[in-house]
Amino acid sequence: FGFVERGNDSIDIILMDVSMPVMDGLTTTKYMRDANITTPIVALTAHTSLEDKCSCLDVGMNDFVTKPVRTKEITEAIDRLMLEI
């Protein structure tokens, strides 16, 4: 997480795949939030249930977009977060 911890101003939003092979996106996000990294995170996942969405938001992700990613949905999520930055 060094690039984010250093406060790299070029990183405005992280698009986080929830199902990664070594460390899943939920665990990664939890570690980042525990390290006080506040960069907004959008979950990208094929899991579409309300429980899945709640799990993402509970660990500190800021938004949730399902796969396959639709341009309109990802653009809207990014736009919402950019308003908060």
PDB file of N, CA and C in Angstrom:
ATOM      1  N   PHE A   1       0.811  -1.196   0.000  1.00  0.00           N
ATOM      2  CA  PHE A   1       0.000   0.000   0.000  1.00  0.00           C
ATOM      3  C   PHE A   1       0.850   1.255   0.000  1.00  0.00           C
ATOM      4  N   GLY A   2       2.143   1.120  -0.181  1.00  0.00           N
ATOM      5  CA  GLY A   2       3.050   2.244  -0.075  1.00  0.00           C
ATOM      6  C   GLY A   2       2.689   3.426  -0.951  1.00  0.00           C
ATOM      7  N   PHE A   3       2.261   3.168  -2.177  1.00  0.00           N
ATOM      8  CA  PHE A   3       1.934   4.272  -3.073  1.00  0.00           C
ATOM      9  C   PHE A   3       0.781   5.102  -2.540  1.00  0.00           C
ATOM     10  N   VAL A   4      -0.138   4.490  -1.840  1.00  0.00           N
ATOM     11  CA  VAL A   4      -1.264   5.225  -1.260  1.00  0.00           C
ATOM     12  C   VAL A   4      -0.852   5.860   0.058  1.00  0.00           C
ATOM     13  N   GLU A   5      -0.081   5.131   0.875  1.00  0.00           N
ATOM     14  CA  GLU A   5       0.348   5.651   2.175  1.00  0.00           C
ATOM     15  C   GLU A   5       1.182   6.914   2.043  1.00  0.00           C
ATOM     16  N   ARG A   6       1.943   7.022   0.967  1.00  0.00           N
ATOM     17  CA  ARG A   6       2.799   8.196   0.769  1.00  0.00           C
ATOM     18  C   ARG A   6       1.996   9.429   0.379  1.00  0.00           C
ATOM     19  N   GLY A   7       0.702   9.257   0.196  1.00  0.00           N
ATOM     20  CA  GLY A   7      -0.131  10.400  -0.147  1.00  0.00           C
ATOM     21  C   GLY A   7       0.011  10.836  -1.592  1.00  0.00           C
ATOM     22  N   ASN A   8       0.231   9.873  -2.458  1.00  0.00           N
ATOM     23  CA  ASN A   8       0.380  10.173  -3.877  1.00  0.00           C
ATOM     24  C   ASN A   8      -0.883  10.872  -4.382  1.00  0.00           C
ATOM     25  N   ASP A   9      -0.755  12.144  -4.713  1.00  0.00           N
ATOM     26  CA  ASP A   9      -1.903  12.939  -5.131  1.00  0.00           C
ATOM     27  C   ASP A   9      -2.523  12.475  -6.443  1.00  0.00           C
ATOM     28  N   SER A  10      -1.827  11.655  -7.199  1.00  0.00           N
ATOM     29  CA  SER A  10      -2.371  11.227  -8.482  1.00  0.00           C
ATOM     30  C   SER A  10      -3.407  10.115  -8.329  1.00  0.00           C
ATOM     31  N   ILE A  11      -3.583   9.587  -7.136  1.00  0.00           N
ATOM     32  CA  ILE A  11      -4.560   8.519  -6.919  1.00  0.00           C
ATOM     33  C   ILE A  11      -5.801   9.121  -6.279  1.00  0.00           C
ATOM     34  N   ASP A  12      -6.867   9.224  -7.075  1.00  0.00           N
ATOM     35  CA  ASP A  12      -8.108   9.804  -6.576  1.00  0.00           C
ATOM     36  C   ASP A  12      -9.094   8.742  -6.118  1.00  0.00           C
ATOM     37  N   ILE A  13      -9.133   7.617  -6.835  1.00  0.00           N
ATOM     38  CA  ILE A  13     -10.097   6.553  -6.548  1.00  0.00           C
ATOM     39  C   ILE A  13      -9.438   5.211  -6.848  1.00  0.00           C
ATOM     40  N   ILE A  14      -9.730   4.217  -6.021  1.00  0.00           N
ATOM     41  CA  ILE A  14      -9.241   2.855  -6.242  1.00  0.00           C
ATOM     42  C   ILE A  14     -10.413   2.001  -6.702  1.00  0.00           C
ATOM     43  N   LEU A  15     -10.236   1.283  -7.815  1.00  0.00           N
ATOM     44  CA  LEU A  15     -11.213   0.299  -8.277  1.00  0.00           C
ATOM     45  C   LEU A  15     -10.721  -1.049  -7.781  1.00  0.00           C
ATOM     46  N   MET A  16     -11.421  -1.624  -6.807  1.00  0.00           N
ATOM     47  CA  MET A  16     -10.948  -2.819  -6.102  1.00  0.00           C
ATOM     48  C   MET A  16     -11.746  -4.053  -6.514  1.00  0.00           C
ATOM     49  N   ASP A  17     -11.061  -5.004  -7.133  1.00  0.00           N
ATOM     50  CA  ASP A  17     -11.690  -6.290  -7.429  1.00  0.00           C
ATOM     51  C   ASP A  17     -11.887  -7.021  -6.109  1.00  0.00           C
ATOM     52  N   VAL A  18     -13.078  -7.506  -5.864  1.00  0.00           N
ATOM     53  CA  VAL A  18     -13.363  -8.180  -4.599  1.00  0.00           C
ATOM     54  C   VAL A  18     -12.744  -9.572  -4.568  1.00  0.00           C
ATOM     55  N   SER A  19     -12.692 -10.261  -5.709  1.00  0.00           N
ATOM     56  CA  SER A  19     -12.196 -11.643  -5.755  1.00  0.00           C
ATOM     57  C   SER A  19     -10.804 -11.712  -6.365  1.00  0.00           C
ATOM     58  N   MET A  20      -9.805 -11.332  -5.591  1.00  0.00           N
ATOM     59  CA  MET A  20      -8.417 -11.417  -6.052  1.00  0.00           C
ATOM     60  C   MET A  20      -7.799 -12.699  -5.498  1.00  0.00           C
ATOM     61  N   PRO A  21      -6.774 -13.248  -6.167  1.00  0.00           N
ATOM     62  CA  PRO A  21      -6.254 -14.565  -5.803  1.00  0.00           C
ATOM     63  C   PRO A  21      -5.507 -14.665  -4.472  1.00  0.00           C
ATOM     64  N   VAL A  22      -4.667 -13.741  -4.131  1.00  0.00           N
ATOM     65  CA  VAL A  22      -3.844 -13.879  -2.927  1.00  0.00           C
ATOM     66  C   VAL A  22      -4.543 -13.284  -1.717  1.00  0.00           C
ATOM     67  N   MET A  23      -4.992 -12.060  -1.842  1.00  0.00           N
ATOM     68  CA  MET A  23      -5.727 -11.394  -0.769  1.00  0.00           C
ATOM     69  C   MET A  23      -6.970 -10.774  -1.402  1.00  0.00           C
ATOM     70  N   ASP A  24      -8.146 -11.156  -0.914  1.00  0.00           N
ATOM     71  CA  ASP A  24      -9.367 -10.636  -1.524  1.00  0.00           C
ATOM     72  C   ASP A  24      -9.531  -9.141  -1.252  1.00  0.00           C
ATOM     73  N   GLY A  25     -10.400  -8.526  -2.016  1.00  0.00           N
ATOM     74  CA  GLY A  25     -10.603  -7.088  -1.917  1.00  0.00           C
ATOM     75  C   GLY A  25     -11.158  -6.632  -0.582  1.00  0.00           C
ATOM     76  N   LEU A  26     -11.953  -7.474   0.076  1.00  0.00           N
ATOM     77  CA  LEU A  26     -12.490  -7.112   1.390  1.00  0.00           C
ATOM     78  C   LEU A  26     -11.362  -7.003   2.412  1.00  0.00           C
ATOM     79  N   THR A  27     -10.481  -7.998   2.420  1.00  0.00           N
ATOM     80  CA  THR A  27      -9.349  -7.990   3.353  1.00  0.00           C
ATOM     81  C   THR A  27      -8.404  -6.841   3.036  1.00  0.00           C
ATOM     82  N   THR A  28      -8.137  -6.634   1.751  1.00  0.00           N
ATOM     83  CA  THR A  28      -7.256  -5.539   1.348  1.00  0.00           C
ATOM     84  C   THR A  28      -7.814  -4.200   1.813  1.00  0.00           C
ATOM     85  N   THR A  29      -9.102  -4.002   1.604  1.00  0.00           N
ATOM     86  CA  THR A  29      -9.729  -2.744   2.024  1.00  0.00           C
ATOM     87  C   THR A  29      -9.665  -2.580   3.530  1.00  0.00           C
ATOM     88  N   LYS A  30      -9.918  -3.662   4.263  1.00  0.00           N
ATOM     89  CA  LYS A  30      -9.857  -3.579   5.730  1.00  0.00           C
ATOM     90  C   LYS A  30      -8.462  -3.157   6.184  1.00  0.00           C
ATOM     91  N   TYR A  31      -7.423  -3.761   5.609  1.00  0.00           N
ATOM     92  CA  TYR A  31      -6.049  -3.379   5.950  1.00  0.00           C
ATOM     93  C   TYR A  31      -5.788  -1.909   5.626  1.00  0.00           C
ATOM     94  N   MET A  32      -6.269  -1.481   4.483  1.00  0.00           N
ATOM     95  CA  MET A  32      -6.056  -0.088   4.087  1.00  0.00           C
ATOM     96  C   MET A  32      -6.758   0.873   5.044  1.00  0.00           C
ATOM     97  N   ARG A  33      -7.987   0.560   5.390  1.00  0.00           N
ATOM     98  CA  ARG A  33      -8.719   1.440   6.314  1.00  0.00           C
ATOM     99  C   ARG A  33      -8.089   1.411   7.708  1.00  0.00           C
ATOM    100  N   ASP A  34      -7.627   0.239   8.145  1.00  0.00           N
ATOM    101  CA  ASP A  34      -6.943   0.142   9.443  1.00  0.00           C
ATOM    102  C   ASP A  34      -5.652   0.961   9.456  1.00  0.00           C
ATOM    103  N   ALA A  35      -5.060   1.152   8.268  1.00  0.00           N
ATOM    104  CA  ALA A  35      -3.835   1.952   8.138  1.00  0.00           C
ATOM    105  C   ALA A  35      -4.160   3.427   7.878  1.00  0.00           C
ATOM    106  N   ASN A  36      -5.422   3.783   8.070  1.00  0.00           N
ATOM    107  CA  ASN A  36      -5.889   5.167   7.881  1.00  0.00           C
ATOM    108  C   ASN A  36      -5.735   5.682   6.457  1.00  0.00           C
ATOM    109  N   ILE A  37      -5.809   4.786   5.498  1.00  0.00           N
ATOM    110  CA  ILE A  37      -5.803   5.185   4.090  1.00  0.00           C
ATOM    111  C   ILE A  37      -7.248   5.500   3.714  1.00  0.00           C
ATOM    112  N   THR A  38      -7.494   6.731   3.324  1.00  0.00           N
ATOM    113  CA  THR A  38      -8.867   7.190   3.108  1.00  0.00           C
ATOM    114  C   THR A  38      -9.250   7.348   1.641  1.00  0.00           C
ATOM    115  N   THR A  39      -8.376   6.952   0.739  1.00  0.00           N
ATOM    116  CA  THR A  39      -8.686   7.041  -0.687  1.00  0.00           C
ATOM    117  C   THR A  39      -9.994   6.301  -0.959  1.00  0.00           C
ATOM    118  N   PRO A  40     -10.941   6.921  -1.662  1.00  0.00           N
ATOM    119  CA  PRO A  40     -12.205   6.244  -1.956  1.00  0.00           C
ATOM    120  C   PRO A  40     -11.982   4.954  -2.746  1.00  0.00           C
ATOM    121  N   ILE A  41     -12.764   3.930  -2.396  1.00  0.00           N
ATOM    122  CA  ILE A  41     -12.646   2.618  -3.035  1.00  0.00           C
ATOM    123  C   ILE A  41     -13.999   2.198  -3.595  1.00  0.00           C
ATOM    124  N   VAL A  42     -13.997   1.807  -4.873  1.00  0.00           N
ATOM    125  CA  VAL A  42     -15.181   1.255  -5.521  1.00  0.00           C
ATOM    126  C   VAL A  42     -14.974  -0.247  -5.649  1.00  0.00           C
ATOM    127  N   ALA A  43     -15.898  -1.027  -5.098  1.00  0.00           N
ATOM    128  CA  ALA A  43     -15.850  -2.481  -5.226  1.00  0.00           C
ATOM    129  C   ALA A  43     -16.277  -2.878  -6.634  1.00  0.00           C
ATOM    130  N   LEU A  44     -15.525  -3.797  -7.240  1.00  0.00           N
ATOM    131  CA  LEU A  44     -15.898  -4.394  -8.519  1.00  0.00           C
ATOM    132  C   LEU A  44     -16.075  -5.879  -8.269  1.00  0.00           C
ATOM    133  N   THR A  45     -17.276  -6.394  -8.505  1.00  0.00           N
ATOM    134  CA  THR A  45     -17.528  -7.784  -8.170  1.00  0.00           C
ATOM    135  C   THR A  45     -18.635  -8.391  -9.020  1.00  0.00           C
ATOM    136  N   ALA A  46     -18.548  -9.701  -9.204  1.00  0.00           N
ATOM    137  CA  ALA A  46     -19.608 -10.440  -9.878  1.00  0.00           C
ATOM    138  C   ALA A  46     -20.678 -10.878  -8.876  1.00  0.00           C
ATOM    139  N   HIS A  47     -20.395 -10.713  -7.595  1.00  0.00           N
ATOM    140  CA  HIS A  47     -21.356 -11.074  -6.543  1.00  0.00           C
ATOM    141  C   HIS A  47     -22.351  -9.934  -6.397  1.00  0.00           C
ATOM    142  N   THR A  48     -23.635 -10.234  -6.551  1.00  0.00           N
ATOM    143  CA  THR A  48     -24.619  -9.166  -6.689  1.00  0.00           C
ATOM    144  C   THR A  48     -25.641  -9.072  -5.562  1.00  0.00           C
ATOM    145  N   SER A  49     -25.525  -9.900  -4.549  1.00  0.00           N
ATOM    146  CA  SER A  49     -26.548  -9.886  -3.500  1.00  0.00           C
ATOM    147  C   SER A  49     -26.409  -8.664  -2.600  1.00  0.00           C
ATOM    148  N   LEU A  50     -27.484  -8.354  -1.897  1.00  0.00           N
ATOM    149  CA  LEU A  50     -27.460  -7.262  -0.930  1.00  0.00           C
ATOM    150  C   LEU A  50     -26.431  -7.549   0.158  1.00  0.00           C
ATOM    151  N   GLU A  51     -26.304  -8.814   0.547  1.00  0.00           N
ATOM    152  CA  GLU A  51     -25.312  -9.208   1.551  1.00  0.00           C
ATOM    153  C   GLU A  51     -23.891  -8.905   1.063  1.00  0.00           C
ATOM    154  N   ASP A  52     -23.622  -9.193  -0.210  1.00  0.00           N
ATOM    155  CA  ASP A  52     -22.304  -8.894  -0.785  1.00  0.00           C
ATOM    156  C   ASP A  52     -22.033  -7.391  -0.759  1.00  0.00           C
ATOM    157  N   LYS A  53     -23.029  -6.612  -1.143  1.00  0.00           N
ATOM    158  CA  LYS A  53     -22.866  -5.154  -1.138  1.00  0.00           C
ATOM    159  C   LYS A  53     -22.609  -4.657   0.281  1.00  0.00           C
ATOM    160  N   CYS A  54     -23.378  -5.161   1.239  1.00  0.00           N
ATOM    161  CA  CYS A  54     -23.191  -4.749   2.635  1.00  0.00           C
ATOM    162  C   CYS A  54     -21.805  -5.125   3.139  1.00  0.00           C
ATOM    163  N   SER A  55     -21.304  -6.296   2.755  1.00  0.00           N
ATOM    164  CA  SER A  55     -19.961  -6.720   3.172  1.00  0.00           C
ATOM    165  C   SER A  55     -18.908  -5.742   2.668  1.00  0.00           C
ATOM    166  N   CYS A  56     -19.063  -5.293   1.442  1.00  0.00           N
ATOM    167  CA  CYS A  56     -18.109  -4.335   0.867  1.00  0.00           C
ATOM    168  C   CYS A  56     -18.163  -3.004   1.607  1.00  0.00           C
ATOM    169  N   LEU A  57     -19.355  -2.523   1.841  1.00  0.00           N
ATOM    170  CA  LEU A  57     -19.504  -1.237   2.519  1.00  0.00           C
ATOM    171  C   LEU A  57     -19.067  -1.330   3.976  1.00  0.00           C
ATOM    172  N   ASP A  58     -19.310  -2.476   4.609  1.00  0.00           N
ATOM    173  CA  ASP A  58     -18.942  -2.660   6.020  1.00  0.00           C
ATOM    174  C   ASP A  58     -17.434  -2.582   6.260  1.00  0.00           C
ATOM    175  N   VAL A  59     -16.629  -3.023   5.285  1.00  0.00           N
ATOM    176  CA  VAL A  59     -15.170  -2.963   5.476  1.00  0.00           C
ATOM    177  C   VAL A  59     -14.584  -1.617   5.070  1.00  0.00           C
ATOM    178  N   GLY A  60     -15.428  -0.742   4.514  1.00  0.00           N
ATOM    179  CA  GLY A  60     -14.952   0.600   4.211  1.00  0.00           C
ATOM    180  C   GLY A  60     -14.912   0.988   2.749  1.00  0.00           C
ATOM    181  N   MET A  61     -15.417   0.119   1.880  1.00  0.00           N
ATOM    182  CA  MET A  61     -15.511   0.528   0.480  1.00  0.00           C
ATOM    183  C   MET A  61     -16.581   1.608   0.381  1.00  0.00           C
ATOM    184  N   ASN A  62     -16.413   2.502  -0.567  1.00  0.00           N
ATOM    185  CA  ASN A  62     -17.317   3.642  -0.679  1.00  0.00           C
ATOM    186  C   ASN A  62     -18.461   3.443  -1.659  1.00  0.00           C
ATOM    187  N   ASP A  63     -18.289   2.526  -2.595  1.00  0.00           N
ATOM    188  CA  ASP A  63     -19.333   2.279  -3.589  1.00  0.00           C
ATOM    189  C   ASP A  63     -19.167   0.861  -4.103  1.00  0.00           C
ATOM    190  N   PHE A  64     -20.110   0.412  -4.924  1.00  0.00           N
ATOM    191  CA  PHE A  64     -20.216  -0.982  -5.319  1.00  0.00           C
ATOM    192  C   PHE A  64     -20.704  -1.032  -6.758  1.00  0.00           C
ATOM    193  N   VAL A  65     -19.949  -1.695  -7.638  1.00  0.00           N
ATOM    194  CA  VAL A  65     -20.344  -1.860  -9.037  1.00  0.00           C
ATOM    195  C   VAL A  65     -20.191  -3.334  -9.384  1.00  0.00           C
ATOM    196  N   THR A  66     -21.220  -3.888 -10.033  1.00  0.00           N
ATOM    197  CA  THR A  66     -21.175  -5.309 -10.372  1.00  0.00           C
ATOM    198  C   THR A  66     -20.585  -5.525 -11.764  1.00  0.00           C
ATOM    199  N   LYS A  67     -20.004  -6.726 -11.918  1.00  0.00           N
ATOM    200  CA  LYS A  67     -19.477  -7.160 -13.209  1.00  0.00           C
ATOM    201  C   LYS A  67     -20.584  -7.927 -13.931  1.00  0.00           C
ATOM    202  N   PRO A  68     -20.637  -7.914 -15.229  1.00  0.00           N
ATOM    203  CA  PRO A  68     -19.755  -7.129 -16.075  1.00  0.00           C
ATOM    204  C   PRO A  68     -20.011  -5.640 -15.862  1.00  0.00           C
ATOM    205  N   VAL A  69     -18.924  -4.895 -15.858  1.00  0.00           N
ATOM    206  CA  VAL A  69     -19.001  -3.461 -15.593  1.00  0.00           C
ATOM    207  C   VAL A  69     -19.628  -2.756 -16.792  1.00  0.00           C
ATOM    208  N   ARG A  70     -20.616  -1.953 -16.494  1.00  0.00           N
ATOM    209  CA  ARG A  70     -21.255  -1.127 -17.519  1.00  0.00           C
ATOM    210  C   ARG A  70     -20.712   0.294 -17.386  1.00  0.00           C
ATOM    211  N   THR A  71     -20.398   0.887 -18.506  1.00  0.00           N
ATOM    212  CA  THR A  71     -19.793   2.219 -18.508  1.00  0.00           C
ATOM    213  C   THR A  71     -20.606   3.204 -17.680  1.00  0.00           C
ATOM    214  N   LYS A  72     -21.909   3.197 -17.833  1.00  0.00           N
ATOM    215  CA  LYS A  72     -22.760   4.143 -17.111  1.00  0.00           C
ATOM    216  C   LYS A  72     -22.626   3.956 -15.602  1.00  0.00           C
ATOM    217  N   GLU A  73     -22.637   2.712 -15.136  1.00  0.00           N
ATOM    218  CA  GLU A  73     -22.572   2.450 -13.691  1.00  0.00           C
ATOM    219  C   GLU A  73     -21.231   2.866 -13.091  1.00  0.00           C
ATOM    220  N   ILE A  74     -20.143   2.540 -13.755  1.00  0.00           N
ATOM    221  CA  ILE A  74     -18.830   2.892 -13.202  1.00  0.00           C
ATOM    222  C   ILE A  74     -18.618   4.401 -13.264  1.00  0.00           C
ATOM    223  N   THR A  75     -19.101   5.028 -14.333  1.00  0.00           N
ATOM    224  CA  THR A  75     -18.986   6.482 -14.447  1.00  0.00           C
ATOM    225  C   THR A  75     -19.783   7.173 -13.348  1.00  0.00           C
ATOM    226  N   GLU A  76     -20.986   6.687 -13.075  1.00  0.00           N
ATOM    227  CA  GLU A  76     -21.807   7.277 -12.015  1.00  0.00           C
ATOM    228  C   GLU A  76     -21.151   7.106 -10.650  1.00  0.00           C
ATOM    229  N   ALA A  77     -20.572   5.936 -10.400  1.00  0.00           N
ATOM    230  CA  ALA A  77     -19.892   5.698  -9.117  1.00  0.00           C
ATOM    231  C   ALA A  77     -18.704   6.647  -8.959  1.00  0.00           C
ATOM    232  N   ILE A  78     -17.918   6.787 -10.007  1.00  0.00           N
ATOM    233  CA  ILE A  78     -16.761   7.690  -9.953  1.00  0.00           C
ATOM    234  C   ILE A  78     -17.228   9.132  -9.768  1.00  0.00           C
ATOM    235  N   ASP A  79     -18.257   9.523 -10.490  1.00  0.00           N
ATOM    236  CA  ASP A  79     -18.777  10.891 -10.354  1.00  0.00           C
ATOM    237  C   ASP A  79     -19.242  11.168  -8.926  1.00  0.00           C
ATOM    238  N   ARG A  80     -19.941  10.209  -8.318  1.00  0.00           N
ATOM    239  CA  ARG A  80     -20.403  10.391  -6.929  1.00  0.00           C
ATOM    240  C   ARG A  80     -19.222  10.610  -5.987  1.00  0.00           C
ATOM    241  N   LEU A  81     -18.184   9.812  -6.160  1.00  0.00           N
ATOM    242  CA  LEU A  81     -17.027   9.923  -5.271  1.00  0.00           C
ATOM    243  C   LEU A  81     -16.219  11.184  -5.539  1.00  0.00           C
ATOM    244  N   MET A  82     -16.150  11.606  -6.777  1.00  0.00           N
ATOM    245  CA  MET A  82     -15.399  12.824  -7.094  1.00  0.00           C
ATOM    246  C   MET A  82     -16.049  14.047  -6.449  1.00  0.00           C
ATOM    247  N   LEU A  83     -17.349  14.007  -6.263  1.00  0.00           N
ATOM    248  CA  LEU A  83     -18.038  15.109  -5.590  1.00  0.00           C
ATOM    249  C   LEU A  83     -17.631  15.205  -4.123  1.00  0.00           C
ATOM    250  N   GLU A  84     -17.214  14.069  -3.550  1.00  0.00           N
ATOM    251  CA  GLU A  84     -16.833  14.033  -2.136  1.00  0.00           C
ATOM    252  C   GLU A  84     -15.371  14.396  -1.907  1.00  0.00           C
ATOM    253  N   ILE A  85     -14.566  14.334  -2.960  1.00  0.00           N
ATOM    254  CA  ILE A  85     -13.121  14.575  -2.799  1.00  0.00           C
ATOM    255  C   ILE A  85     -12.854  16.063  -2.676  1.00  0.00           C
TER     256      ILE A  85
END
